C-alpha atoms as a PDB file:
ATOM      1  CA  MET A   1       0.473 -44.781 -16.254  1.00  0.00           C
ATOM      2  CA  LYS A   2      -2.524 -45.295 -17.658  1.00  0.00           C
ATOM      3  CA  THR A   3      -5.768 -43.676 -16.455  1.00  0.00           C
ATOM      4  CA  TYR A   4      -8.908 -44.855 -16.642  1.00  0.00           C
ATOM      5  CA  ARG A   5     -12.368 -42.849 -17.005  1.00  0.00           C
ATOM      6  CA  LEU A   6     -15.699 -43.572 -16.097  1.00  0.00           C
ATOM      7  CA  HIS A   7     -18.777 -41.547 -15.992  1.00  0.00           C
ATOM      8  CA  LEU A   8     -21.608 -41.493 -13.684  1.00  0.00           C
ATOM      9  CA  LEU A   9     -24.975 -40.546 -15.700  1.00  0.00           C
ATOM     10  CA  ARG A  10     -28.066 -40.062 -13.614  1.00  0.00           C
ATOM     11  CA  HIS A  11     -31.336 -41.627 -15.114  1.00  0.00           C
ATOM     12  CA  GLY A  12     -33.700 -39.000 -17.266  1.00  0.00           C
ATOM     13  CA  LEU A  13     -36.794 -38.659 -14.628  1.00  0.00           C
ATOM     14  CA  THR A  14     -39.675 -40.564 -14.240  1.00  0.00           C
ATOM     15  CA  ALA A  15     -43.247 -38.910 -12.902  1.00  0.00           C
ATOM     16  CA  GLY A  16     -42.390 -39.623  -9.966  1.00  0.00           C
ATOM     17  CA  ASN A  17     -39.500 -37.177 -10.153  1.00  0.00           C
ATOM     18  CA  LEU A  18     -42.267 -34.895 -11.339  1.00  0.00           C
ATOM     19  CA  GLU A  19     -44.532 -35.587  -8.474  1.00  0.00           C
ATOM     20  CA  GLY A  20     -42.046 -35.202  -6.236  1.00  0.00           C
ATOM     21  CA  ARG A  21     -42.072 -38.350  -4.766  1.00  0.00           C
ATOM     22  CA  TYR A  22     -39.293 -40.577  -2.911  1.00  0.00           C
ATOM     23  CA  ILE A  23     -38.713 -43.136  -5.626  1.00  0.00           C
ATOM     24  CA  GLY A  24     -35.932 -45.501  -4.718  1.00  0.00           C
ATOM     25  CA  SER A  25     -36.709 -49.222  -5.129  1.00  0.00           C
ATOM     26  CA  THR A  26     -39.731 -48.779  -7.139  1.00  0.00           C
ATOM     27  CA  ASP A  27     -39.158 -49.513 -10.525  1.00  0.00           C
ATOM     28  CA  LEU A  28     -40.677 -46.936 -12.626  1.00  0.00           C
ATOM     29  CA  PRO A  29     -39.958 -46.560 -16.119  1.00  0.00           C
ATOM     30  CA  LEU A  30     -38.985 -42.966 -17.700  1.00  0.00           C
ATOM     31  CA  CYS A  31     -41.850 -40.867 -18.492  1.00  0.00           C
ATOM     32  CA  PRO A  32     -42.468 -39.182 -21.755  1.00  0.00           C
ATOM     33  CA  ALA A  33     -41.257 -35.768 -20.695  1.00  0.00           C
ATOM     34  CA  GLY A  34     -37.526 -37.754 -19.301  1.00  0.00           C
ATOM     35  CA  LYS A  35     -37.214 -39.250 -22.515  1.00  0.00           C
ATOM     36  CA  GLU A  36     -37.558 -36.569 -24.736  1.00  0.00           C
ATOM     37  CA  GLN A  37     -35.009 -34.421 -22.054  1.00  0.00           C
ATOM     38  CA  LEU A  38     -32.822 -36.941 -22.570  1.00  0.00           C
ATOM     39  CA  PHE A  39     -33.030 -36.340 -26.160  1.00  0.00           C
ATOM     40  CA  LYS A  40     -32.531 -32.964 -26.222  1.00  0.00           C
ATOM     41  CA  LEU A  41     -29.122 -33.139 -23.812  1.00  0.00           C
ATOM     42  CA  LYS A  42     -27.860 -35.635 -26.433  1.00  0.00           C
ATOM     43  CA  GLU A  43     -28.570 -32.875 -29.411  1.00  0.00           C
ATOM     44  CA  ASP A  44     -27.162 -29.992 -27.518  1.00  0.00           C
ATOM     45  CA  PHE A  45     -24.477 -31.073 -25.117  1.00  0.00           C
ATOM     46  CA  SER A  46     -21.585 -34.039 -25.852  1.00  0.00           C
ATOM     47  CA  TYR A  47     -21.656 -37.341 -23.930  1.00  0.00           C
ATOM     48  CA  PRO A  48     -18.503 -39.251 -24.096  1.00  0.00           C
ATOM     49  CA  THR A  49     -17.616 -42.352 -26.067  1.00  0.00           C
ATOM     50  CA  VAL A  50     -16.873 -45.474 -24.231  1.00  0.00           C
ATOM     51  CA  GLN A  51     -16.089 -48.887 -24.178  1.00  0.00           C
ATOM     52  CA  MET A  52     -19.421 -50.552 -22.299  1.00  0.00           C
ATOM     53  CA  VAL A  53     -21.928 -49.226 -19.962  1.00  0.00           C
ATOM     54  CA  PHE A  54     -22.578 -50.297 -16.399  1.00  0.00           C
ATOM     55  CA  CYS A  55     -26.362 -50.033 -15.576  1.00  0.00           C
ATOM     56  CA  SER A  56     -28.635 -50.023 -12.553  1.00  0.00           C
ATOM     57  CA  PRO A  57     -31.172 -53.003 -13.151  1.00  0.00           C
ATOM     58  CA  LEU A  58     -34.277 -50.844 -12.584  1.00  0.00           C
ATOM     59  CA  MET A  59     -35.871 -49.844 -16.398  1.00  0.00           C
ATOM     60  CA  ARG A  60     -35.574 -45.706 -15.815  1.00  0.00           C
ATOM     61  CA  ALA A  61     -31.571 -46.391 -15.464  1.00  0.00           C
ATOM     62  CA  LYS A  62     -31.358 -49.111 -18.187  1.00  0.00           C
ATOM     63  CA  GLU A  63     -33.759 -47.258 -20.529  1.00  0.00           C
ATOM     64  CA  THR A  64     -32.048 -43.945 -19.829  1.00  0.00           C
ATOM     65  CA  ALA A  65     -28.514 -46.044 -21.606  1.00  0.00           C
ATOM     66  CA  GLU A  66     -30.491 -47.229 -24.430  1.00  0.00           C
ATOM     67  CA  ILE A  67     -31.288 -43.811 -25.029  1.00  0.00           C
ATOM     68  CA  LEU A  68     -27.626 -42.367 -24.707  1.00  0.00           C
ATOM     69  CA  TYR A  69     -25.666 -45.037 -25.690  1.00  0.00           C
ATOM     70  CA  PRO A  70     -27.794 -47.488 -28.563  1.00  0.00           C
ATOM     71  CA  GLY A  71     -25.752 -50.142 -29.404  1.00  0.00           C
ATOM     72  CA  VAL A  72     -23.443 -50.132 -26.459  1.00  0.00           C
ATOM     73  CA  LYS A  73     -23.246 -53.448 -24.414  1.00  0.00           C
ATOM     74  CA  LEU A  74     -24.887 -52.938 -20.959  1.00  0.00           C
ATOM     75  CA  TYR A  75     -24.104 -54.654 -18.085  1.00  0.00           C
ATOM     76  CA  GLU A  76     -26.260 -54.401 -15.316  1.00  0.00           C
ATOM     77  CA  LEU A  77     -25.449 -54.660 -11.870  1.00  0.00           C
ATOM     78  CA  GLN A  78     -27.700 -55.021  -8.625  1.00  0.00           C
ATOM     79  CA  ASP A  79     -25.129 -52.531  -6.436  1.00  0.00           C
ATOM     80  CA  LEU A  80     -25.828 -50.319  -8.677  1.00  0.00           C
ATOM     81  CA  ARG A  81     -30.048 -49.938  -7.869  1.00  0.00           C
ATOM     82  CA  GLU A  82     -30.794 -47.143  -5.643  1.00  0.00           C
ATOM     83  CA  ALA A  83     -32.049 -47.585  -1.810  1.00  0.00           C
ATOM     84  CA  SER A  84     -34.938 -48.390  -0.590  1.00  0.00           C
ATOM     85  CA  PHE A  85     -36.660 -45.400   1.661  1.00  0.00           C
ATOM     86  CA  GLY A  86     -39.584 -48.338   3.536  1.00  0.00           C
ATOM     87  CA  GLU A  87     -42.309 -46.634   4.656  1.00  0.00           C
ATOM     88  CA  PHE A  88     -41.436 -43.686   2.692  1.00  0.00           C
ATOM     89  CA  GLU A  89     -41.350 -45.182  -0.411  1.00  0.00           C
ATOM     90  CA  GLY A  90     -43.439 -43.715  -3.430  1.00  0.00           C
ATOM     91  CA  LYS A  91     -44.634 -40.724  -0.802  1.00  0.00           C
ATOM     92  CA  ARG A  92     -44.506 -36.616  -1.181  1.00  0.00           C
ATOM     93  CA  ALA A  93     -42.776 -35.364   1.534  1.00  0.00           C
ATOM     94  CA  GLU A  94     -45.755 -32.550   1.650  1.00  0.00           C
ATOM     95  CA  ASP A  95     -47.943 -36.039   2.703  1.00  0.00           C
ATOM     96  CA  LEU A  96     -45.221 -36.645   5.364  1.00  0.00           C
ATOM     97  CA  VAL A  97     -44.572 -33.693   7.033  1.00  0.00           C
ATOM     98  CA  GLY A  98     -47.310 -34.581   9.568  1.00  0.00           C
ATOM     99  CA  SER A  99     -45.077 -38.014  10.460  1.00  0.00           C
ATOM    100  CA  ALA A 100     -42.873 -37.585  13.486  1.00  0.00           C
ATOM    101  CA  ALA A 101     -40.832 -40.919  11.932  1.00  0.00           C
ATOM    102  CA  PHE A 102     -40.421 -38.247   8.786  1.00  0.00           C
ATOM    103  CA  ARG A 103     -39.431 -35.653  10.757  1.00  0.00           C
ATOM    104  CA  ARG A 104     -37.154 -37.435  12.543  1.00  0.00           C
ATOM    105  CA  TRP A 105     -35.311 -39.177   9.062  1.00  0.00           C
ATOM    106  CA  MET A 106     -34.909 -35.621   7.697  1.00  0.00           C
ATOM    107  CA  ASP A 107     -33.120 -34.720  11.043  1.00  0.00           C
ATOM    108  CA  PRO A 108     -29.236 -35.210   9.766  1.00  0.00           C
ATOM    109  CA  GLN A 109     -28.374 -35.698  13.517  1.00  0.00           C
ATOM    110  CA  ASP A 110     -30.963 -38.681  13.966  1.00  0.00           C
ATOM    111  CA  PRO A 111     -30.092 -41.575  13.372  1.00  0.00           C
ATOM    112  CA  TYR A 112     -33.356 -43.528  11.915  1.00  0.00           C
ATOM    113  CA  GLN A 113     -34.309 -45.693   9.402  1.00  0.00           C
ATOM    114  CA  PRO A 114     -37.469 -45.709   7.303  1.00  0.00           C
ATOM    115  CA  GLU A 115     -39.201 -49.460   7.993  1.00  0.00           C
ATOM    116  CA  GLY A 116     -38.144 -51.930   5.530  1.00  0.00           C
ATOM    117  CA  GLY A 117     -35.870 -49.572   3.707  1.00  0.00           C
ATOM    118  CA  GLU A 118     -31.950 -49.948   3.360  1.00  0.00           C
ATOM    119  CA  HIS A 119     -29.908 -49.168   6.330  1.00  0.00           C
ATOM    120  CA  ALA A 120     -27.943 -45.587   5.529  1.00  0.00           C
ATOM    121  CA  ASN A 121     -24.599 -47.897   6.715  1.00  0.00           C
ATOM    122  CA  VAL A 122     -25.192 -50.316   4.289  1.00  0.00           C
ATOM    123  CA  PHE A 123     -26.340 -48.059   1.598  1.00  0.00           C
ATOM    124  CA  SER A 124     -22.675 -46.063   1.903  1.00  0.00           C
ATOM    125  CA  ALA A 125     -20.961 -49.560   2.114  1.00  0.00           C
ATOM    126  CA  ARG A 126     -22.507 -51.364  -0.925  1.00  0.00           C
ATOM    127  CA  THR A 127     -22.577 -47.927  -3.227  1.00  0.00           C
ATOM    128  CA  ARG A 128     -18.582 -47.687  -2.342  1.00  0.00           C
ATOM    129  CA  GLY A 129     -17.495 -51.077  -3.091  1.00  0.00           C
ATOM    130  CA  ALA A 130     -19.523 -50.819  -6.180  1.00  0.00           C
ATOM    131  CA  PHE A 131     -17.680 -47.332  -7.102  1.00  0.00           C
ATOM    132  CA  LEU A 132     -14.021 -48.992  -6.531  1.00  0.00           C
ATOM    133  CA  LYS A 133     -15.098 -52.684  -8.245  1.00  0.00           C
ATOM    134  CA  LEU A 134     -16.140 -50.628 -11.657  1.00  0.00           C
ATOM    135  CA  PHE A 135     -12.870 -49.201 -11.616  1.00  0.00           C
ATOM    136  CA  GLU A 136     -11.000 -52.531 -10.880  1.00  0.00           C
ATOM    137  CA  PHE A 137     -13.163 -54.294 -13.503  1.00  0.00           C
ATOM    138  CA  MET A 138     -12.141 -51.401 -15.890  1.00  0.00           C
ATOM    139  CA  MET A 139      -8.347 -52.135 -15.016  1.00  0.00           C
ATOM    140  CA  LYS A 140      -8.386 -55.851 -15.464  1.00  0.00           C
ATOM    141  CA  ALA A 141     -10.456 -55.816 -18.746  1.00  0.00           C
ATOM    142  CA  ASP A 142      -8.410 -52.623 -20.109  1.00  0.00           C
ATOM    143  CA  VAL A 143     -11.307 -50.594 -20.561  1.00  0.00           C
ATOM    144  CA  THR A 144     -10.539 -46.863 -20.202  1.00  0.00           C
ATOM    145  CA  GLU A 145     -13.796 -45.514 -20.653  1.00  0.00           C
ATOM    146  CA  ALA A 146     -16.578 -46.834 -19.284  1.00  0.00           C
ATOM    147  CA  ALA A 147     -20.435 -45.074 -18.680  1.00  0.00           C
ATOM    148  CA  ALA A 148     -22.536 -46.007 -15.325  1.00  0.00           C
ATOM    149  CA  VAL A 149     -25.995 -45.237 -15.738  1.00  0.00           C
ATOM    150  CA  THR A 150     -27.803 -44.978 -12.338  1.00  0.00           C
ATOM    151  CA  HIS A 151     -29.115 -42.873  -9.365  1.00  0.00           C
ATOM    152  CA  GLY A 152     -28.981 -39.639  -7.882  1.00  0.00           C
ATOM    153  CA  GLY A 153     -28.444 -40.855  -4.397  1.00  0.00           C
ATOM    154  CA  VAL A 154     -26.048 -43.528  -5.512  1.00  0.00           C
ATOM    155  CA  ILE A 155     -24.034 -40.997  -7.176  1.00  0.00           C
ATOM    156  CA  MET A 156     -23.860 -38.958  -3.964  1.00  0.00           C
ATOM    157  CA  SER A 157     -22.868 -41.553  -1.513  1.00  0.00           C
ATOM    158  CA  MET A 158     -20.080 -42.716  -3.868  1.00  0.00           C
ATOM    159  CA  LEU A 159     -18.253 -39.230  -4.892  1.00  0.00           C
ATOM    160  CA  ALA A 160     -18.759 -38.065  -1.344  1.00  0.00           C
ATOM    161  CA  GLN A 161     -16.866 -41.344   0.106  1.00  0.00           C
ATOM    162  CA  ALA A 162     -14.244 -42.124  -2.592  1.00  0.00           C
ATOM    163  CA  ALA A 163     -13.995 -38.756  -4.626  1.00  0.00           C
ATOM    164  CA  LEU A 164     -11.545 -36.074  -4.871  1.00  0.00           C
ATOM    165  CA  PRO A 165     -11.833 -33.308  -4.144  1.00  0.00           C
ATOM    166  CA  GLN A 166     -13.626 -34.471  -0.687  1.00  0.00           C
ATOM    167  CA  ARG A 167     -17.108 -32.559  -0.245  1.00  0.00           C
ATOM    168  CA  PRO A 168     -20.485 -33.483   1.048  1.00  0.00           C
ATOM    169  CA  ALA A 169     -22.607 -35.683  -0.650  1.00  0.00           C
ATOM    170  CA  SER A 170     -25.284 -33.061  -1.406  1.00  0.00           C
ATOM    171  CA  LEU A 171     -22.780 -31.004  -3.548  1.00  0.00           C
ATOM    172  CA  TRP A 172     -22.489 -34.240  -5.679  1.00  0.00           C
ATOM    173  CA  ALA A 173     -26.154 -34.191  -6.259  1.00  0.00           C
ATOM    174  CA  CYS A 174     -26.631 -33.724 -10.410  1.00  0.00           C
ATOM    175  CA  ASP A 175     -29.611 -32.914 -12.700  1.00  0.00           C
ATOM    176  CA  PRO A 176     -31.250 -35.821 -14.615  1.00  0.00           C
ATOM    177  CA  GLY A 177     -29.256 -37.101 -17.693  1.00  0.00           C
ATOM    178  CA  CYS A 178     -26.430 -35.904 -16.401  1.00  0.00           C
ATOM    179  CA  GLY A 179     -23.440 -36.480 -13.920  1.00  0.00           C
ATOM    180  CA  TRP A 180     -19.568 -36.223 -13.275  1.00  0.00           C
ATOM    181  CA  THR A 181     -16.658 -37.741 -14.927  1.00  0.00           C
ATOM    182  CA  VAL A 182     -14.071 -39.018 -12.800  1.00  0.00           C
ATOM    183  CA  ARG A 183     -10.295 -40.768 -13.174  1.00  0.00           C
ATOM    184  CA  CYS A 184      -8.387 -42.963 -11.451  1.00  0.00           C
ATOM    185  CA  THR A 185      -5.350 -44.635 -11.850  1.00  0.00           C
ATOM    186  CA  PRO A 186      -3.865 -48.494 -10.572  1.00  0.00           C
ATOM    187  CA  ALA A 187      -1.711 -46.925  -8.317  1.00  0.00           C
ATOM    188  CA  MET A 188      -4.444 -44.242  -6.932  1.00  0.00           C
ATOM    189  CA  LEU A 189      -6.797 -47.558  -6.609  1.00  0.00           C
ATOM    190  CA  MET A 190      -4.509 -49.263  -4.622  1.00  0.00           C
ATOM    191  CA  ARG A 191      -3.121 -46.583  -2.379  1.00  0.00           C
ATOM    192  CA  ASP A 192      -6.132 -44.463  -1.979  1.00  0.00           C
ATOM    193  CA  GLU A 193      -9.288 -46.549  -2.599  1.00  0.00           C
ATOM    194  CA  MET A 194     -10.180 -42.837  -4.155  1.00  0.00           C
ATOM    195  CA  ALA A 195     -10.502 -41.023  -7.987  1.00  0.00           C
ATOM    196  CA  GLU A 196     -10.436 -37.841  -9.238  1.00  0.00           C
ATOM    197  CA  ALA A 197     -13.709 -35.974 -10.158  1.00  0.00           C
ATOM    198  CA  VAL A 198     -12.718 -33.891 -13.237  1.00  0.00           C
ATOM    199  CA  ALA A 199     -15.663 -32.600 -14.732  1.00  0.00           C
ATOM    200  CA  ILE A 200     -19.709 -32.383 -15.207  1.00  0.00           C
ATOM    201  CA  ALA A 201     -20.881 -34.461 -17.778  1.00  0.00           C
ATOM    202  CA  PRO A 202     -22.292 -34.313 -20.404  1.00  0.00           C
ATOM    203  CA  ALA A 203     -19.223 -31.963 -21.821  1.00  0.00           C
ATOM    204  CA  GLY A 204     -20.876 -28.334 -22.125  1.00  0.00           C
ATOM    205  CA  TYR A 205     -23.334 -29.181 -19.764  1.00  0.00           C
ATOM    206  CA  GLY A 206     -21.686 -27.648 -16.634  1.00  0.00           C
ATOM    207  CA  GLU A 207     -21.097 -24.266 -18.768  1.00  0.00           C
ATOM    208  CA  LYS A 208     -24.781 -24.192 -18.931  1.00  0.00           C
ATOM    209  CA  LEU A 209     -24.859 -24.095 -15.539  1.00  0.00           C
ATOM    210  CA  LYS A 210     -22.511 -20.844 -14.806  1.00  0.00           C
ATOM    211  CA  ASN A 211     -25.056 -19.049 -16.885  1.00  0.00           C
END
């Protein structure tokens, strides 16, 4: 049975990332250091060859896709965008420590949602649905190798819900420009609505992390 491989890649660094800000729906471009880092990753490691690239509509993801996969057609998908952090959007954790609302948000036992932000349940349903739809599209189009350039939170949410081995979202965190390779067969998708995480992307980056 044919196997389909999807490479989930986090966008490169933005100024907001370097400043420690909560950047979700804010549409920031890559910063110069972020672009430089991506070109260095391309030089040092091997990104998989793909037939198509799915991409978040936010600038930082599109710019990352264009650096990593120049000339490959991009398919922008709204469901690959990062969550909105509402009242905490664009702010730094160190500036929020005195906020009771922020303390509630940081408590994993508290269901508090930032005012104006995307509800966690909505985000989870959106990202799981997008993950499965990517594989459905690939199978229907007979695309056996594709990349999806998106956001760290999106990748963690997708894999925590629909990847094997099953583990918490925090253990699916990935560095800028990097991510996970997952594979799926039509039988896995139809029977379990799950995929198997098989490697860190790009090739060779996982070995660097061990050293």
